[in-house]
Amino acid sequence: MNKKDNRKRVIVDFKKLTPEILGLLVEKFPEGYDEEDIITFRNAKNELVEAVEVNTEDTKYLIKVSTKLVKTMENYDEDDYEDFDSNDPDAIQDPDIEIDEESEEMDLD
């Protein structure tokens, strides 16, 4: 545990989400993530960021929490991305989200 973690760290926002990272998220959180899974930190601009973490052998991904992320994870189907490269951020489409006053105030995008 004291061994230094030399993995690359990447912060991913919904617009840069790839099928590979989405698949890792759904695999790690098949029922969705909970409050205790969310990591809070300050980015280089000193902005408060909430994210969930998934890891590969060489990279630690911090995916920013948003209503779009939740909806996309809920509707995940691996077959939807079979015609795309696993690292193609254009493969992930914005989900249709109904906005009401409460969710608009809580939208973290």
N, C-alpha and C. Protein backbone atom coordinates (compact mmCIF):
# COMPACT_ATOMS: atom_id res chain seq x y z
N MET A 1 0.81 -1.20 0.00
CA MET A 1 0.00 0.00 0.00
C MET A 1 0.85 1.26 0.00
N ASN A 2 2.08 1.19 0.52
CA ASN A 2 2.93 2.37 0.55
C ASN A 2 3.63 2.60 -0.78
N LYS A 3 3.48 1.64 -1.69
CA LYS A 3 4.10 1.78 -3.00
C LYS A 3 3.50 2.98 -3.73
N LYS A 4 4.37 3.81 -4.30
CA LYS A 4 3.91 5.01 -4.99
C LYS A 4 3.07 4.64 -6.22
N ASP A 5 1.95 5.33 -6.38
CA ASP A 5 1.06 5.10 -7.51
C ASP A 5 1.55 5.96 -8.68
N ASN A 6 2.12 5.32 -9.68
CA ASN A 6 2.68 6.05 -10.82
C ASN A 6 1.73 6.12 -12.01
N ARG A 7 0.46 5.78 -11.78
CA ARG A 7 -0.49 5.84 -12.89
C ARG A 7 -0.76 7.30 -13.29
N LYS A 8 -1.03 7.47 -14.56
CA LYS A 8 -1.42 8.77 -15.08
C LYS A 8 -2.79 9.11 -14.52
N ARG A 9 -3.03 10.36 -14.17
CA ARG A 9 -4.32 10.80 -13.64
C ARG A 9 -5.00 11.69 -14.67
N VAL A 10 -6.25 11.34 -15.00
CA VAL A 10 -6.99 12.06 -16.03
C VAL A 10 -8.36 12.44 -15.49
N ILE A 11 -8.68 13.73 -15.56
CA ILE A 11 -10.02 14.20 -15.20
C ILE A 11 -10.85 14.22 -16.48
N VAL A 12 -12.01 13.55 -16.43
CA VAL A 12 -12.84 13.40 -17.62
C VAL A 12 -14.20 14.05 -17.38
N ASP A 13 -14.58 14.94 -18.26
CA ASP A 13 -15.88 15.56 -18.20
C ASP A 13 -16.79 14.82 -19.19
N PHE A 14 -18.09 14.95 -19.07
CA PHE A 14 -19.02 14.17 -19.90
C PHE A 14 -18.72 14.31 -21.40
N LYS A 15 -18.33 15.50 -21.85
CA LYS A 15 -18.07 15.73 -23.27
C LYS A 15 -16.90 14.90 -23.79
N LYS A 16 -16.03 14.46 -22.90
CA LYS A 16 -14.84 13.68 -23.30
C LYS A 16 -14.96 12.20 -22.92
N LEU A 17 -16.13 11.79 -22.46
CA LEU A 17 -16.36 10.40 -22.06
C LEU A 17 -16.29 9.49 -23.28
N THR A 18 -15.56 8.39 -23.16
CA THR A 18 -15.43 7.43 -24.26
C THR A 18 -16.17 6.14 -23.91
N PRO A 19 -16.47 5.31 -24.91
CA PRO A 19 -17.11 4.02 -24.62
C PRO A 19 -16.29 3.18 -23.63
N GLU A 20 -14.97 3.24 -23.75
CA GLU A 20 -14.11 2.46 -22.84
C GLU A 20 -14.31 2.91 -21.39
N ILE A 21 -14.27 4.21 -21.15
CA ILE A 21 -14.42 4.72 -19.78
C ILE A 21 -15.83 4.49 -19.27
N LEU A 22 -16.83 4.68 -20.12
CA LEU A 22 -18.21 4.42 -19.73
C LEU A 22 -18.38 2.95 -19.34
N GLY A 23 -17.79 2.05 -20.11
CA GLY A 23 -17.85 0.63 -19.80
C GLY A 23 -17.21 0.31 -18.45
N LEU A 24 -16.07 0.94 -18.15
CA LEU A 24 -15.41 0.75 -16.86
C LEU A 24 -16.31 1.23 -15.72
N LEU A 25 -16.96 2.38 -15.94
CA LEU A 25 -17.86 2.93 -14.91
C LEU A 25 -19.02 1.99 -14.62
N VAL A 26 -19.66 1.51 -15.67
CA VAL A 26 -20.82 0.63 -15.50
C VAL A 26 -20.39 -0.70 -14.88
N GLU A 27 -19.20 -1.17 -15.23
CA GLU A 27 -18.69 -2.41 -14.63
C GLU A 27 -18.43 -2.22 -13.13
N LYS A 28 -17.84 -1.08 -12.76
CA LYS A 28 -17.53 -0.82 -11.35
C LYS A 28 -18.78 -0.48 -10.54
N PHE A 29 -19.72 0.25 -11.16
CA PHE A 29 -20.93 0.70 -10.48
C PHE A 29 -22.17 0.23 -11.24
N PRO A 30 -22.44 -1.10 -11.30
CA PRO A 30 -23.57 -1.60 -12.10
C PRO A 30 -24.93 -1.08 -11.63
N GLU A 31 -25.04 -0.73 -10.38
CA GLU A 31 -26.30 -0.18 -9.85
C GLU A 31 -26.22 1.33 -9.70
N GLY A 32 -25.19 1.95 -10.28
CA GLY A 32 -24.97 3.39 -10.12
C GLY A 32 -24.09 3.64 -8.92
N TYR A 33 -23.57 4.84 -8.83
CA TYR A 33 -22.69 5.17 -7.71
C TYR A 33 -23.49 5.86 -6.60
N ASP A 34 -22.94 5.79 -5.39
CA ASP A 34 -23.56 6.40 -4.23
C ASP A 34 -22.73 7.60 -3.78
N GLU A 35 -23.25 8.34 -2.82
CA GLU A 35 -22.57 9.50 -2.27
C GLU A 35 -21.15 9.14 -1.80
N GLU A 36 -20.99 7.98 -1.16
CA GLU A 36 -19.68 7.60 -0.63
C GLU A 36 -18.68 7.25 -1.74
N ASP A 37 -19.13 7.08 -2.97
CA ASP A 37 -18.24 6.81 -4.09
C ASP A 37 -17.69 8.09 -4.71
N ILE A 38 -18.26 9.23 -4.35
CA ILE A 38 -17.89 10.51 -4.96
C ILE A 38 -16.68 11.11 -4.24
N ILE A 39 -15.70 11.49 -5.03
CA ILE A 39 -14.49 12.14 -4.54
C ILE A 39 -14.63 13.64 -4.82
N THR A 40 -14.32 14.46 -3.84
CA THR A 40 -14.38 15.91 -4.01
C THR A 40 -12.96 16.46 -3.92
N PHE A 41 -12.60 17.33 -4.88
CA PHE A 41 -11.26 17.92 -4.88
C PHE A 41 -11.32 19.27 -5.60
N ARG A 42 -10.25 20.02 -5.50
CA ARG A 42 -10.13 21.29 -6.21
C ARG A 42 -9.20 21.10 -7.41
N ASN A 43 -9.65 21.60 -8.56
CA ASN A 43 -8.84 21.47 -9.77
C ASN A 43 -7.79 22.59 -9.83
N ALA A 44 -7.07 22.68 -10.93
CA ALA A 44 -6.02 23.67 -11.10
C ALA A 44 -6.55 25.11 -11.03
N LYS A 45 -7.84 25.29 -11.34
CA LYS A 45 -8.45 26.62 -11.27
C LYS A 45 -9.06 26.88 -9.90
N ASN A 46 -8.79 25.99 -8.95
CA ASN A 46 -9.31 26.07 -7.58
C ASN A 46 -10.84 25.93 -7.53
N GLU A 47 -11.42 25.28 -8.54
CA GLU A 47 -12.86 25.01 -8.56
C GLU A 47 -13.11 23.68 -7.87
N LEU A 48 -14.20 23.61 -7.12
CA LEU A 48 -14.57 22.37 -6.45
C LEU A 48 -15.15 21.41 -7.48
N VAL A 49 -14.62 20.18 -7.53
CA VAL A 49 -15.04 19.18 -8.51
C VAL A 49 -15.48 17.92 -7.76
N GLU A 50 -16.59 17.34 -8.20
CA GLU A 50 -17.04 16.05 -7.69
C GLU A 50 -16.88 15.03 -8.81
N ALA A 51 -16.30 13.88 -8.48
CA ALA A 51 -16.02 12.88 -9.50
C ALA A 51 -16.09 11.48 -8.90
N VAL A 52 -16.23 10.49 -9.79
CA VAL A 52 -16.10 9.09 -9.40
C VAL A 52 -14.86 8.55 -10.09
N GLU A 53 -14.23 7.56 -9.47
CA GLU A 53 -12.94 7.07 -9.95
C GLU A 53 -13.05 5.66 -10.53
N VAL A 54 -12.40 5.48 -11.67
CA VAL A 54 -12.18 4.14 -12.23
C VAL A 54 -10.73 4.07 -12.65
N ASN A 55 -10.19 2.85 -12.61
CA ASN A 55 -8.77 2.67 -12.89
C ASN A 55 -8.53 1.62 -13.97
N THR A 56 -7.48 1.87 -14.73
CA THR A 56 -6.94 0.85 -15.61
C THR A 56 -5.53 0.56 -15.08
N GLU A 57 -4.83 -0.31 -15.74
CA GLU A 57 -3.49 -0.66 -15.29
C GLU A 57 -2.57 0.55 -15.22
N ASP A 58 -2.72 1.49 -16.17
CA ASP A 58 -1.80 2.62 -16.23
C ASP A 58 -2.44 3.99 -16.00
N THR A 59 -3.77 4.06 -15.82
CA THR A 59 -4.44 5.35 -15.70
C THR A 59 -5.50 5.33 -14.62
N LYS A 60 -5.57 6.43 -13.89
CA LYS A 60 -6.63 6.65 -12.90
C LYS A 60 -7.52 7.75 -13.49
N TYR A 61 -8.79 7.39 -13.78
CA TYR A 61 -9.74 8.35 -14.34
C TYR A 61 -10.64 8.89 -13.25
N LEU A 62 -10.79 10.20 -13.20
CA LEU A 62 -11.74 10.86 -12.32
C LEU A 62 -12.80 11.45 -13.23
N ILE A 63 -13.99 10.88 -13.23
CA ILE A 63 -15.07 11.29 -14.12
C ILE A 63 -15.99 12.23 -13.37
N LYS A 64 -16.13 13.44 -13.90
CA LYS A 64 -16.96 14.45 -13.23
C LYS A 64 -18.41 13.97 -13.14
N VAL A 65 -18.98 14.14 -11.97
CA VAL A 65 -20.36 13.74 -11.71
C VAL A 65 -21.30 14.75 -12.37
N SER A 66 -22.33 14.24 -13.04
CA SER A 66 -23.34 15.11 -13.66
C SER A 66 -24.62 14.30 -13.87
N THR A 67 -25.71 15.01 -14.11
CA THR A 67 -26.97 14.32 -14.38
C THR A 67 -26.87 13.55 -15.70
N LYS A 68 -26.12 14.07 -16.67
CA LYS A 68 -25.93 13.37 -17.95
C LYS A 68 -25.20 12.05 -17.73
N LEU A 69 -24.21 12.05 -16.85
CA LEU A 69 -23.46 10.83 -16.57
C LEU A 69 -24.38 9.76 -15.97
N VAL A 70 -25.18 10.14 -15.00
CA VAL A 70 -26.10 9.20 -14.35
C VAL A 70 -27.04 8.60 -15.39
N LYS A 71 -27.65 9.44 -16.22
CA LYS A 71 -28.61 8.97 -17.22
C LYS A 71 -27.93 8.04 -18.25
N THR A 72 -26.72 8.40 -18.66
CA THR A 72 -26.00 7.59 -19.65
C THR A 72 -25.62 6.23 -19.06
N MET A 73 -25.22 6.21 -17.79
CA MET A 73 -24.90 4.93 -17.14
C MET A 73 -26.15 4.07 -17.02
N GLU A 74 -27.29 4.68 -16.68
CA GLU A 74 -28.54 3.93 -16.54
C GLU A 74 -28.95 3.27 -17.86
N ASN A 75 -28.68 3.94 -18.97
CA ASN A 75 -29.11 3.46 -20.29
C ASN A 75 -28.01 2.72 -21.05
N TYR A 76 -26.93 2.39 -20.38
CA TYR A 76 -25.77 1.79 -21.04
C TYR A 76 -26.10 0.44 -21.68
N ASP A 77 -25.69 0.31 -22.93
CA ASP A 77 -25.77 -0.96 -23.65
C ASP A 77 -24.50 -1.04 -24.51
N GLU A 78 -23.66 -1.99 -24.22
CA GLU A 78 -22.38 -2.13 -24.91
C GLU A 78 -22.56 -2.18 -26.42
N ASP A 79 -23.64 -2.78 -26.90
CA ASP A 79 -23.89 -2.89 -28.34
C ASP A 79 -24.07 -1.54 -29.02
N ASP A 80 -24.47 -0.51 -28.25
CA ASP A 80 -24.65 0.82 -28.83
C ASP A 80 -23.33 1.40 -29.34
N TYR A 81 -22.21 0.86 -28.87
CA TYR A 81 -20.91 1.45 -29.19
C TYR A 81 -20.03 0.54 -30.04
N GLU A 82 -20.60 -0.56 -30.56
CA GLU A 82 -19.78 -1.51 -31.31
C GLU A 82 -19.24 -0.93 -32.62
N ASP A 83 -19.88 0.09 -33.18
CA ASP A 83 -19.41 0.69 -34.43
C ASP A 83 -18.44 1.84 -34.19
N PHE A 84 -18.07 2.09 -32.93
CA PHE A 84 -17.18 3.19 -32.59
C PHE A 84 -15.87 2.65 -32.01
N ASP A 85 -14.80 3.43 -32.17
CA ASP A 85 -13.55 3.12 -31.53
C ASP A 85 -13.74 3.29 -30.02
N SER A 86 -13.10 2.47 -29.21
CA SER A 86 -13.31 2.52 -27.75
C SER A 86 -12.84 3.83 -27.13
N ASN A 87 -12.02 4.60 -27.85
CA ASN A 87 -11.54 5.88 -27.33
C ASN A 87 -12.17 7.08 -28.03
N ASP A 88 -13.31 6.89 -28.67
CA ASP A 88 -13.98 7.95 -29.43
C ASP A 88 -14.96 8.72 -28.55
N PRO A 89 -14.64 9.96 -28.15
CA PRO A 89 -15.55 10.73 -27.31
C PRO A 89 -16.83 11.15 -28.03
N ASP A 90 -16.85 11.06 -29.36
CA ASP A 90 -18.06 11.40 -30.11
C ASP A 90 -19.09 10.27 -30.07
N ALA A 91 -18.71 9.11 -29.58
CA ALA A 91 -19.62 7.96 -29.52
C ALA A 91 -20.71 8.16 -28.46
N ILE A 92 -20.38 8.86 -27.40
CA ILE A 92 -21.32 9.06 -26.30
C ILE A 92 -22.17 10.28 -26.60
N GLN A 93 -23.47 10.05 -26.75
CA GLN A 93 -24.40 11.14 -27.07
C GLN A 93 -25.04 11.69 -25.81
N ASP A 94 -25.36 12.98 -25.83
CA ASP A 94 -26.08 13.58 -24.71
C ASP A 94 -27.43 12.88 -24.54
N PRO A 95 -27.73 12.45 -23.33
CA PRO A 95 -29.04 11.83 -23.10
C PRO A 95 -30.13 12.89 -23.05
N ASP A 96 -31.35 12.48 -23.35
CA ASP A 96 -32.47 13.39 -23.20
C ASP A 96 -32.81 13.48 -21.72
N ILE A 97 -32.72 14.69 -21.19
CA ILE A 97 -32.98 14.90 -19.78
C ILE A 97 -34.10 15.92 -19.64
N GLU A 98 -35.14 15.52 -18.91
CA GLU A 98 -36.21 16.45 -18.64
C GLU A 98 -35.75 17.38 -17.53
N ILE A 99 -35.90 18.67 -17.75
CA ILE A 99 -35.44 19.64 -16.77
C ILE A 99 -36.64 20.26 -16.06
N ASP A 100 -36.63 20.17 -14.75
CA ASP A 100 -37.61 20.91 -13.96
C ASP A 100 -36.82 21.84 -13.05
N GLU A 101 -37.49 22.66 -12.30
CA GLU A 101 -36.81 23.65 -11.48
C GLU A 101 -35.82 23.01 -10.53
N GLU A 102 -36.19 21.91 -9.89
CA GLU A 102 -35.31 21.28 -8.91
C GLU A 102 -34.05 20.71 -9.56
N SER A 103 -34.21 19.95 -10.67
CA SER A 103 -33.05 19.35 -11.29
C SER A 103 -32.15 20.41 -11.96
N GLU A 104 -32.74 21.51 -12.42
CA GLU A 104 -31.94 22.56 -13.03
C GLU A 104 -31.01 23.16 -12.00
N GLU A 105 -31.49 23.32 -10.77
CA GLU A 105 -30.65 23.87 -9.72
C GLU A 105 -29.54 22.90 -9.33
N MET A 106 -29.78 21.60 -9.47
CA MET A 106 -28.81 20.62 -9.03
C MET A 106 -27.92 20.14 -10.17
N ASP A 107 -28.14 20.57 -11.39
CA ASP A 107 -27.36 20.13 -12.54
C ASP A 107 -25.91 20.56 -12.37
N LEU A 108 -24.98 19.60 -12.41
CA LEU A 108 -23.58 19.88 -12.17
C LEU A 108 -22.76 20.00 -13.46
N ASP A 109 -23.40 20.04 -14.60
CA ASP A 109 -22.66 20.11 -15.86
C ASP A 109 -21.94 21.42 -16.01
